[in-house]
Amino acid sequence: MDGQLEQREGRWQLRFTRTLPHPPEKVWRALTEPEHLAAWFPTDIEGERAAGAALRFVFRNGEGPAVDGRMIRYEPPSVLEFRWGNDETLRFDLHPDGEGTTLTFVNTFDEVGKAARDAAGWHAWLDLLGHHVAGDQAPWTSSERWQQVHPSYVERFGPDASSVGPPASPTGQT
């Protein structure tokens, strides 16, 4: 369940793999439909759900400025990939796994110093996704979960990947 950090082709990647006991179609809805995203994803996503479409990521509680992006791939119910800002991509791959789904999430970026901070954020949000898809209420907020898991990412990834500290409101990502 923990994220892994690796360097590929000169860029950094955080990779998370989660097995969810729900079919890909149900997980896909949680990844793409606004009413489901509101339960776990850090922003609202404005824009058409189609490859090439312009997107805007708007933080609901003013945690940071809106971020522009673009949909790279939109292939229901298996691949969702978009550009977040100028230099990051977020990719969700869904694969059937028996009656459930294996979800692989990859965040690709350039600045290694924020890896521990962002890994803790994605860890918390993916935990929230799991609870949401199951119809459960998480026993903590995303901020509380971030605070629980962040120290382990700092320890595992080391000082170079931990030089960008926590955001003012520890939601994991700015």
N, C-alpha and C. Protein backbone atom coordinates (compact mmCIF):
# COMPACT_ATOMS: atom_id res chain seq x y z
N MET A 1 0.80 -1.20 0.00
CA MET A 1 0.00 0.00 0.00
C MET A 1 0.85 1.27 0.00
N ASP A 2 2.06 1.20 0.54
CA ASP A 2 2.91 2.38 0.56
C ASP A 2 3.38 2.72 -0.84
N GLY A 3 3.61 4.01 -1.06
CA GLY A 3 4.13 4.46 -2.34
C GLY A 3 5.60 4.15 -2.48
N GLN A 4 6.01 3.95 -3.72
CA GLN A 4 7.41 3.69 -4.05
C GLN A 4 7.92 4.87 -4.87
N LEU A 5 9.14 5.27 -4.64
CA LEU A 5 9.77 6.36 -5.38
C LEU A 5 10.86 5.78 -6.26
N GLU A 6 10.83 6.16 -7.52
CA GLU A 6 11.88 5.72 -8.44
C GLU A 6 12.13 6.81 -9.48
N GLN A 7 13.31 6.75 -10.05
CA GLN A 7 13.65 7.69 -11.11
C GLN A 7 13.61 6.93 -12.42
N ARG A 8 12.91 7.51 -13.40
CA ARG A 8 12.79 6.90 -14.72
C ARG A 8 12.96 7.98 -15.77
N GLU A 9 13.88 7.74 -16.67
CA GLU A 9 14.13 8.65 -17.79
C GLU A 9 14.31 10.09 -17.32
N GLY A 10 15.05 10.25 -16.21
CA GLY A 10 15.38 11.58 -15.71
C GLY A 10 14.29 12.26 -14.91
N ARG A 11 13.16 11.59 -14.70
CA ARG A 11 12.06 12.16 -13.92
C ARG A 11 11.77 11.25 -12.74
N TRP A 12 11.08 11.77 -11.76
CA TRP A 12 10.74 11.01 -10.56
C TRP A 12 9.31 10.51 -10.65
N GLN A 13 9.08 9.33 -10.09
CA GLN A 13 7.75 8.76 -10.08
C GLN A 13 7.42 8.22 -8.69
N LEU A 14 6.23 8.58 -8.23
CA LEU A 14 5.63 7.94 -7.07
C LEU A 14 4.64 6.93 -7.61
N ARG A 15 4.73 5.69 -7.15
CA ARG A 15 3.85 4.63 -7.64
C ARG A 15 3.16 3.96 -6.45
N PHE A 16 1.85 3.87 -6.57
CA PHE A 16 1.02 3.19 -5.56
C PHE A 16 0.21 2.12 -6.27
N THR A 17 0.09 0.97 -5.65
CA THR A 17 -0.78 -0.09 -6.16
C THR A 17 -1.74 -0.47 -5.04
N ARG A 18 -3.01 -0.46 -5.37
CA ARG A 18 -4.04 -0.82 -4.40
C ARG A 18 -4.96 -1.86 -5.04
N THR A 19 -5.35 -2.85 -4.27
CA THR A 19 -6.33 -3.83 -4.71
C THR A 19 -7.65 -3.49 -4.02
N LEU A 20 -8.67 -3.25 -4.84
CA LEU A 20 -9.98 -2.86 -4.32
C LEU A 20 -10.98 -3.96 -4.65
N PRO A 21 -11.83 -4.35 -3.71
CA PRO A 21 -12.77 -5.45 -3.95
C PRO A 21 -14.04 -4.99 -4.68
N HIS A 22 -13.85 -4.17 -5.70
CA HIS A 22 -14.97 -3.62 -6.47
C HIS A 22 -14.61 -3.69 -7.95
N PRO A 23 -15.60 -3.82 -8.83
CA PRO A 23 -15.31 -3.91 -10.26
C PRO A 23 -14.73 -2.60 -10.81
N PRO A 24 -13.96 -2.69 -11.90
CA PRO A 24 -13.35 -1.48 -12.48
C PRO A 24 -14.35 -0.37 -12.78
N GLU A 25 -15.56 -0.71 -13.20
CA GLU A 25 -16.54 0.31 -13.54
C GLU A 25 -16.89 1.17 -12.32
N LYS A 26 -16.99 0.54 -11.15
CA LYS A 26 -17.30 1.29 -9.92
C LYS A 26 -16.12 2.17 -9.52
N VAL A 27 -14.92 1.64 -9.62
CA VAL A 27 -13.73 2.43 -9.29
C VAL A 27 -13.58 3.58 -10.29
N TRP A 28 -13.85 3.32 -11.56
CA TRP A 28 -13.77 4.35 -12.60
C TRP A 28 -14.68 5.53 -12.27
N ARG A 29 -15.91 5.23 -11.85
CA ARG A 29 -16.84 6.32 -11.49
C ARG A 29 -16.25 7.17 -10.35
N ALA A 30 -15.62 6.51 -9.38
CA ALA A 30 -15.02 7.25 -8.26
C ALA A 30 -13.85 8.13 -8.72
N LEU A 31 -13.19 7.73 -9.80
CA LEU A 31 -12.05 8.50 -10.33
C LEU A 31 -12.48 9.65 -11.23
N THR A 32 -13.70 9.59 -11.77
CA THR A 32 -14.05 10.54 -12.83
C THR A 32 -15.29 11.39 -12.58
N GLU A 33 -16.20 10.95 -11.73
CA GLU A 33 -17.45 11.69 -11.55
C GLU A 33 -17.33 12.68 -10.39
N PRO A 34 -17.73 13.94 -10.63
CA PRO A 34 -17.54 14.99 -9.61
C PRO A 34 -18.07 14.64 -8.23
N GLU A 35 -19.24 14.02 -8.14
CA GLU A 35 -19.80 13.73 -6.81
C GLU A 35 -18.96 12.70 -6.06
N HIS A 36 -18.24 11.84 -6.78
CA HIS A 36 -17.35 10.87 -6.13
C HIS A 36 -15.98 11.49 -5.84
N LEU A 37 -15.47 12.28 -6.77
CA LEU A 37 -14.17 12.93 -6.55
C LEU A 37 -14.18 13.80 -5.30
N ALA A 38 -15.32 14.42 -5.02
CA ALA A 38 -15.43 15.30 -3.86
C ALA A 38 -15.16 14.55 -2.55
N ALA A 39 -15.34 13.24 -2.55
CA ALA A 39 -15.15 12.45 -1.33
C ALA A 39 -13.69 12.11 -1.06
N TRP A 40 -12.82 12.22 -2.07
CA TRP A 40 -11.45 11.76 -1.84
C TRP A 40 -10.37 12.57 -2.54
N PHE A 41 -10.62 13.12 -3.73
CA PHE A 41 -9.58 13.80 -4.50
C PHE A 41 -9.38 15.22 -3.94
N PRO A 42 -8.15 15.74 -3.96
CA PRO A 42 -7.88 17.02 -3.31
C PRO A 42 -8.50 18.24 -3.98
N THR A 43 -8.97 18.11 -5.22
CA THR A 43 -9.54 19.26 -5.92
C THR A 43 -10.79 18.83 -6.69
N ASP A 44 -11.55 19.84 -7.11
CA ASP A 44 -12.56 19.62 -8.13
C ASP A 44 -11.81 19.64 -9.46
N ILE A 45 -12.31 18.88 -10.44
CA ILE A 45 -11.69 18.87 -11.76
C ILE A 45 -12.71 19.44 -12.73
N GLU A 46 -12.39 20.62 -13.26
CA GLU A 46 -13.26 21.28 -14.23
C GLU A 46 -12.74 21.00 -15.62
N GLY A 47 -13.64 20.65 -16.54
CA GLY A 47 -13.27 20.40 -17.92
C GLY A 47 -13.88 19.12 -18.43
N GLU A 48 -13.87 19.00 -19.73
CA GLU A 48 -14.46 17.84 -20.38
C GLU A 48 -13.63 16.60 -20.11
N ARG A 49 -14.31 15.49 -19.95
CA ARG A 49 -13.63 14.21 -19.77
C ARG A 49 -13.39 13.60 -21.15
N ALA A 50 -12.31 14.07 -21.78
CA ALA A 50 -11.95 13.59 -23.11
C ALA A 50 -10.47 13.88 -23.34
N ALA A 51 -9.79 12.98 -24.04
CA ALA A 51 -8.37 13.17 -24.34
C ALA A 51 -8.17 14.51 -25.04
N GLY A 52 -7.17 15.27 -24.59
CA GLY A 52 -6.84 16.56 -25.17
C GLY A 52 -7.56 17.74 -24.54
N ALA A 53 -8.58 17.50 -23.72
CA ALA A 53 -9.37 18.58 -23.13
C ALA A 53 -8.56 19.36 -22.10
N ALA A 54 -8.77 20.68 -22.06
CA ALA A 54 -8.18 21.52 -21.03
C ALA A 54 -8.88 21.23 -19.70
N LEU A 55 -8.11 21.21 -18.63
CA LEU A 55 -8.64 20.96 -17.30
C LEU A 55 -8.21 22.08 -16.36
N ARG A 56 -8.96 22.23 -15.29
CA ARG A 56 -8.59 23.15 -14.21
C ARG A 56 -8.89 22.44 -12.90
N PHE A 57 -7.89 22.41 -12.03
CA PHE A 57 -7.99 21.76 -10.73
C PHE A 57 -8.18 22.86 -9.68
N VAL A 58 -9.33 22.85 -9.02
CA VAL A 58 -9.68 23.92 -8.08
C VAL A 58 -9.78 23.33 -6.68
N PHE A 59 -8.94 23.83 -5.77
CA PHE A 59 -8.98 23.39 -4.38
C PHE A 59 -10.26 23.90 -3.73
N ARG A 60 -10.99 23.02 -3.10
CA ARG A 60 -12.31 23.34 -2.54
C ARG A 60 -12.24 24.28 -1.35
N ASN A 61 -11.19 24.18 -0.56
CA ASN A 61 -11.09 24.96 0.66
C ASN A 61 -9.96 25.98 0.63
N GLY A 62 -9.53 26.36 -0.56
CA GLY A 62 -8.50 27.39 -0.69
C GLY A 62 -7.12 26.97 -0.25
N GLU A 63 -6.81 25.63 -0.29
CA GLU A 63 -5.50 25.15 0.14
C GLU A 63 -4.37 25.63 -0.76
N GLY A 64 -4.71 26.05 -1.95
CA GLY A 64 -3.72 26.52 -2.91
C GLY A 64 -4.43 27.13 -4.10
N PRO A 65 -3.65 27.74 -4.99
CA PRO A 65 -4.25 28.32 -6.19
C PRO A 65 -4.72 27.22 -7.15
N ALA A 66 -5.66 27.55 -8.00
CA ALA A 66 -6.12 26.61 -9.02
C ALA A 66 -4.94 26.26 -9.92
N VAL A 67 -4.97 25.05 -10.45
CA VAL A 67 -3.89 24.54 -11.30
C VAL A 67 -4.49 24.16 -12.64
N ASP A 68 -3.85 24.62 -13.72
CA ASP A 68 -4.30 24.23 -15.06
C ASP A 68 -3.68 22.90 -15.45
N GLY A 69 -4.36 22.20 -16.32
CA GLY A 69 -3.85 20.92 -16.79
C GLY A 69 -4.50 20.52 -18.10
N ARG A 70 -4.30 19.28 -18.48
CA ARG A 70 -4.86 18.77 -19.74
C ARG A 70 -5.04 17.27 -19.59
N MET A 71 -6.16 16.79 -20.14
CA MET A 71 -6.42 15.36 -20.16
C MET A 71 -5.51 14.73 -21.23
N ILE A 72 -4.74 13.75 -20.84
CA ILE A 72 -3.85 13.07 -21.79
C ILE A 72 -4.53 11.83 -22.35
N ARG A 73 -5.03 10.98 -21.44
CA ARG A 73 -5.73 9.75 -21.87
C ARG A 73 -7.00 9.60 -21.04
N TYR A 74 -8.05 9.21 -21.72
CA TYR A 74 -9.33 8.97 -21.07
C TYR A 74 -9.94 7.75 -21.76
N GLU A 75 -9.69 6.59 -21.17
CA GLU A 75 -10.10 5.32 -21.77
C GLU A 75 -10.90 4.51 -20.76
N PRO A 76 -12.21 4.82 -20.63
CA PRO A 76 -13.04 4.11 -19.65
C PRO A 76 -13.09 2.62 -19.92
N PRO A 77 -13.11 1.79 -18.91
CA PRO A 77 -12.81 2.06 -17.50
C PRO A 77 -11.41 1.61 -17.13
N SER A 78 -10.41 1.95 -17.95
CA SER A 78 -9.09 1.40 -17.65
C SER A 78 -7.95 2.41 -17.48
N VAL A 79 -7.94 3.52 -18.20
CA VAL A 79 -6.81 4.45 -18.10
C VAL A 79 -7.32 5.89 -18.02
N LEU A 80 -6.84 6.59 -17.00
CA LEU A 80 -7.11 8.01 -16.83
C LEU A 80 -5.75 8.66 -16.57
N GLU A 81 -5.38 9.60 -17.43
CA GLU A 81 -4.08 10.27 -17.26
C GLU A 81 -4.24 11.73 -17.62
N PHE A 82 -3.71 12.59 -16.75
CA PHE A 82 -3.76 14.02 -17.07
C PHE A 82 -2.52 14.73 -16.58
N ARG A 83 -2.30 15.88 -17.20
CA ARG A 83 -1.20 16.76 -16.79
C ARG A 83 -1.74 17.66 -15.70
N TRP A 84 -0.97 17.77 -14.62
CA TRP A 84 -1.30 18.60 -13.46
C TRP A 84 -0.27 19.71 -13.45
N GLY A 85 -0.65 20.92 -13.81
CA GLY A 85 0.31 22.02 -13.90
C GLY A 85 1.19 21.83 -15.12
N ASN A 86 2.39 22.40 -15.07
CA ASN A 86 3.28 22.36 -16.23
C ASN A 86 4.16 21.13 -16.31
N ASP A 87 4.45 20.50 -15.15
CA ASP A 87 5.47 19.46 -15.20
C ASP A 87 5.10 18.15 -14.53
N GLU A 88 3.84 17.96 -14.13
CA GLU A 88 3.45 16.72 -13.48
C GLU A 88 2.39 15.99 -14.28
N THR A 89 2.43 14.67 -14.19
CA THR A 89 1.33 13.88 -14.72
C THR A 89 0.82 12.96 -13.62
N LEU A 90 -0.47 12.70 -13.67
CA LEU A 90 -1.13 11.77 -12.78
C LEU A 90 -1.78 10.72 -13.66
N ARG A 91 -1.51 9.45 -13.37
CA ARG A 91 -2.06 8.36 -14.20
C ARG A 91 -2.66 7.29 -13.29
N PHE A 92 -3.86 6.88 -13.64
CA PHE A 92 -4.57 5.82 -12.94
C PHE A 92 -4.82 4.70 -13.94
N ASP A 93 -4.33 3.51 -13.64
CA ASP A 93 -4.57 2.33 -14.46
C ASP A 93 -5.41 1.36 -13.66
N LEU A 94 -6.50 0.88 -14.24
CA LEU A 94 -7.38 -0.08 -13.59
C LEU A 94 -7.33 -1.40 -14.35
N HIS A 95 -7.13 -2.49 -13.62
CA HIS A 95 -7.11 -3.82 -14.22
C HIS A 95 -8.03 -4.73 -13.42
N PRO A 96 -8.91 -5.46 -14.11
CA PRO A 96 -9.76 -6.42 -13.39
C PRO A 96 -8.88 -7.41 -12.63
N ASP A 97 -9.33 -7.75 -11.43
CA ASP A 97 -8.61 -8.68 -10.57
C ASP A 97 -9.66 -9.54 -9.87
N GLY A 98 -10.04 -10.66 -10.51
CA GLY A 98 -11.15 -11.46 -10.00
C GLY A 98 -12.41 -10.62 -10.08
N GLU A 99 -13.10 -10.47 -8.95
CA GLU A 99 -14.28 -9.62 -8.90
C GLU A 99 -13.94 -8.18 -8.53
N GLY A 100 -12.66 -7.90 -8.31
CA GLY A 100 -12.22 -6.58 -7.90
C GLY A 100 -11.37 -5.89 -8.95
N THR A 101 -10.56 -4.96 -8.49
CA THR A 101 -9.75 -4.12 -9.38
C THR A 101 -8.38 -3.89 -8.76
N THR A 102 -7.34 -3.99 -9.57
CA THR A 102 -6.02 -3.51 -9.16
C THR A 102 -5.87 -2.11 -9.74
N LEU A 103 -5.67 -1.15 -8.87
CA LEU A 103 -5.47 0.25 -9.24
C LEU A 103 -4.00 0.56 -9.09
N THR A 104 -3.38 1.06 -10.16
CA THR A 104 -2.00 1.54 -10.09
C THR A 104 -2.05 3.03 -10.37
N PHE A 105 -1.53 3.80 -9.44
CA PHE A 105 -1.48 5.26 -9.57
C PHE A 105 -0.02 5.66 -9.67
N VAL A 106 0.30 6.50 -10.67
CA VAL A 106 1.67 7.00 -10.84
C VAL A 106 1.63 8.51 -10.98
N ASN A 107 2.39 9.19 -10.13
CA ASN A 107 2.57 10.64 -10.18
C ASN A 107 4.01 10.87 -10.67
N THR A 108 4.17 11.50 -11.83
CA THR A 108 5.48 11.76 -12.42
C THR A 108 5.77 13.26 -12.30
N PHE A 109 6.98 13.59 -11.84
CA PHE A 109 7.33 14.99 -11.58
C PHE A 109 8.83 15.16 -11.66
N ASP A 110 9.30 16.42 -11.56
CA ASP A 110 10.72 16.73 -11.69
C ASP A 110 11.43 17.00 -10.36
N GLU A 111 10.76 17.60 -9.39
CA GLU A 111 11.40 18.07 -8.16
C GLU A 111 11.37 16.99 -7.08
N VAL A 112 12.47 16.29 -6.89
CA VAL A 112 12.53 15.19 -5.93
C VAL A 112 12.29 15.65 -4.49
N GLY A 113 12.60 16.89 -4.18
CA GLY A 113 12.47 17.38 -2.81
C GLY A 113 11.07 17.31 -2.24
N LYS A 114 10.05 17.23 -3.08
CA LYS A 114 8.67 17.18 -2.60
C LYS A 114 8.11 15.76 -2.56
N ALA A 115 8.94 14.77 -2.83
CA ALA A 115 8.47 13.39 -2.94
C ALA A 115 7.81 12.87 -1.66
N ALA A 116 8.45 13.08 -0.50
CA ALA A 116 7.88 12.57 0.75
C ALA A 116 6.57 13.28 1.07
N ARG A 117 6.55 14.58 0.88
CA ARG A 117 5.33 15.36 1.13
C ARG A 117 4.18 14.87 0.27
N ASP A 118 4.43 14.75 -1.04
CA ASP A 118 3.36 14.37 -1.95
C ASP A 118 2.98 12.90 -1.81
N ALA A 119 3.96 12.04 -1.50
CA ALA A 119 3.64 10.62 -1.28
C ALA A 119 2.67 10.48 -0.12
N ALA A 120 2.89 11.24 0.95
CA ALA A 120 1.97 11.18 2.09
C ALA A 120 0.58 11.67 1.69
N GLY A 121 0.53 12.69 0.85
CA GLY A 121 -0.76 13.19 0.37
C GLY A 121 -1.49 12.16 -0.47
N TRP A 122 -0.81 11.59 -1.45
CA TRP A 122 -1.47 10.59 -2.30
C TRP A 122 -1.83 9.35 -1.50
N HIS A 123 -1.01 8.97 -0.56
CA HIS A 123 -1.31 7.84 0.32
C HIS A 123 -2.64 8.09 1.04
N ALA A 124 -2.77 9.27 1.63
CA ALA A 124 -4.00 9.61 2.35
C ALA A 124 -5.20 9.64 1.42
N TRP A 125 -5.05 10.24 0.26
CA TRP A 125 -6.19 10.35 -0.67
C TRP A 125 -6.59 9.00 -1.23
N LEU A 126 -5.62 8.14 -1.51
CA LEU A 126 -5.98 6.80 -2.00
C LEU A 126 -6.64 5.98 -0.90
N ASP A 127 -6.23 6.19 0.35
CA ASP A 127 -6.94 5.55 1.46
C ASP A 127 -8.38 6.02 1.50
N LEU A 128 -8.59 7.32 1.33
CA LEU A 128 -9.96 7.86 1.30
C LEU A 128 -10.75 7.27 0.13
N LEU A 129 -10.11 7.13 -1.02
CA LEU A 129 -10.77 6.51 -2.17
C LEU A 129 -11.26 5.11 -1.81
N GLY A 130 -10.41 4.32 -1.19
CA GLY A 130 -10.79 2.96 -0.80
C GLY A 130 -12.00 2.95 0.11
N HIS A 131 -12.01 3.84 1.09
CA HIS A 131 -13.17 3.93 2.00
C HIS A 131 -14.41 4.37 1.24
N HIS A 132 -14.26 5.36 0.36
CA HIS A 132 -15.41 5.88 -0.39
C HIS A 132 -16.03 4.80 -1.27
N VAL A 133 -15.21 4.10 -2.02
CA VAL A 133 -15.72 3.06 -2.93
C VAL A 133 -16.42 1.95 -2.13
N ALA A 134 -15.93 1.69 -0.93
CA ALA A 134 -16.54 0.66 -0.08
C ALA A 134 -17.81 1.15 0.62
N GLY A 135 -18.07 2.46 0.52
CA GLY A 135 -19.24 3.02 1.18
C GLY A 135 -19.01 3.27 2.66
N ASP A 136 -17.75 3.31 3.08
CA ASP A 136 -17.39 3.52 4.48
C ASP A 136 -16.96 4.97 4.72
N GLN A 137 -17.06 5.38 5.96
CA GLN A 137 -16.52 6.66 6.39
C GLN A 137 -15.12 6.40 6.94
N ALA A 138 -14.12 7.13 6.44
CA ALA A 138 -12.76 6.98 6.96
C ALA A 138 -12.72 7.41 8.43
N PRO A 139 -11.89 6.76 9.24
CA PRO A 139 -11.82 7.11 10.66
C PRO A 139 -10.95 8.34 10.94
N TRP A 140 -10.49 9.03 9.90
CA TRP A 140 -9.63 10.19 10.04
C TRP A 140 -9.87 11.10 8.84
N THR A 141 -9.43 12.34 8.93
CA THR A 141 -9.46 13.27 7.80
C THR A 141 -8.22 13.05 6.95
N SER A 142 -8.20 13.62 5.76
CA SER A 142 -6.99 13.50 4.93
C SER A 142 -5.80 14.14 5.62
N SER A 143 -6.00 15.25 6.32
CA SER A 143 -4.90 15.90 7.05
C SER A 143 -4.36 15.01 8.16
N GLU A 144 -5.26 14.38 8.90
CA GLU A 144 -4.82 13.48 9.97
C GLU A 144 -4.05 12.29 9.40
N ARG A 145 -4.55 11.73 8.31
CA ARG A 145 -3.86 10.59 7.70
C ARG A 145 -2.50 11.01 7.17
N TRP A 146 -2.43 12.19 6.55
CA TRP A 146 -1.16 12.71 6.05
C TRP A 146 -0.14 12.77 7.19
N GLN A 147 -0.56 13.31 8.34
CA GLN A 147 0.34 13.43 9.48
C GLN A 147 0.78 12.06 9.99
N GLN A 148 -0.07 11.05 9.88
CA GLN A 148 0.28 9.70 10.31
C GLN A 148 1.35 9.07 9.42
N VAL A 149 1.22 9.25 8.10
CA VAL A 149 2.10 8.53 7.17
C VAL A 149 3.33 9.32 6.72
N HIS A 150 3.31 10.63 6.83
CA HIS A 150 4.42 11.45 6.34
C HIS A 150 5.77 11.07 6.95
N PRO A 151 5.88 10.88 8.27
CA PRO A 151 7.20 10.53 8.83
C PRO A 151 7.82 9.28 8.19
N SER A 152 7.01 8.30 7.86
CA SER A 152 7.58 7.08 7.26
C SER A 152 8.12 7.35 5.86
N TYR A 153 7.50 8.27 5.11
CA TYR A 153 8.03 8.61 3.79
C TYR A 153 9.32 9.41 3.92
N VAL A 154 9.39 10.30 4.88
CA VAL A 154 10.64 11.06 5.12
C VAL A 154 11.76 10.07 5.44
N GLU A 155 11.47 9.11 6.31
CA GLU A 155 12.49 8.13 6.69
C GLU A 155 12.89 7.25 5.50
N ARG A 156 11.93 6.75 4.75
CA ARG A 156 12.22 5.84 3.64
C ARG A 156 12.89 6.54 2.47
N PHE A 157 12.43 7.74 2.12
CA PHE A 157 12.94 8.42 0.92
C PHE A 157 14.20 9.22 1.19
N GLY A 158 14.44 9.63 2.43
CA GLY A 158 15.66 10.34 2.78
C GLY A 158 15.58 11.84 2.61
N PRO A 159 16.67 12.53 3.00
CA PRO A 159 16.66 13.99 3.04
C PRO A 159 16.49 14.66 1.67
N ASP A 160 17.06 14.09 0.61
CA ASP A 160 16.92 14.72 -0.70
C ASP A 160 15.47 14.75 -1.17
N ALA A 161 14.71 13.75 -0.79
CA ALA A 161 13.30 13.66 -1.21
C ALA A 161 12.37 14.29 -0.17
N SER A 162 12.95 14.95 0.82
CA SER A 162 12.14 15.53 1.90
C SER A 162 12.47 16.99 2.15
N SER A 163 13.13 17.65 1.19
CA SER A 163 13.56 19.02 1.41
C SER A 163 12.43 20.03 1.29
N VAL A 164 11.33 19.68 0.62
CA VAL A 164 10.16 20.55 0.56
C VAL A 164 9.23 20.09 1.67
N GLY A 165 9.02 20.97 2.61
CA GLY A 165 8.25 20.60 3.80
C GLY A 165 6.76 20.54 3.58
N PRO A 166 6.07 20.30 4.67
CA PRO A 166 4.62 20.18 4.59
C PRO A 166 3.96 21.49 4.20
N PRO A 167 2.83 21.39 3.54
CA PRO A 167 2.08 22.61 3.21
C PRO A 167 1.52 23.23 4.49
N ALA A 168 1.10 24.48 4.42
CA ALA A 168 0.55 25.16 5.59
C ALA A 168 -0.62 24.39 6.18
N SER A 169 -1.46 23.84 5.31
CA SER A 169 -2.55 22.98 5.73
C SER A 169 -2.20 21.60 5.24
N PRO A 170 -1.77 20.67 6.09
CA PRO A 170 -1.19 19.40 5.64
C PRO A 170 -2.17 18.48 4.92
N THR A 171 -2.48 18.85 3.69
CA THR A 171 -3.30 17.98 2.85
C THR A 171 -2.42 17.19 1.93
N GLY A 172 -1.13 17.43 1.96
CA GLY A 172 -0.21 16.61 1.19
C GLY A 172 0.32 17.26 -0.05
N GLN A 173 -0.47 18.07 -0.72
CA GLN A 173 -0.04 18.64 -1.99
C GLN A 173 -0.44 20.10 -2.03
N THR A 174 0.36 20.92 -2.67
CA THR A 174 0.01 22.32 -2.78
C THR A 174 -0.47 22.63 -4.16
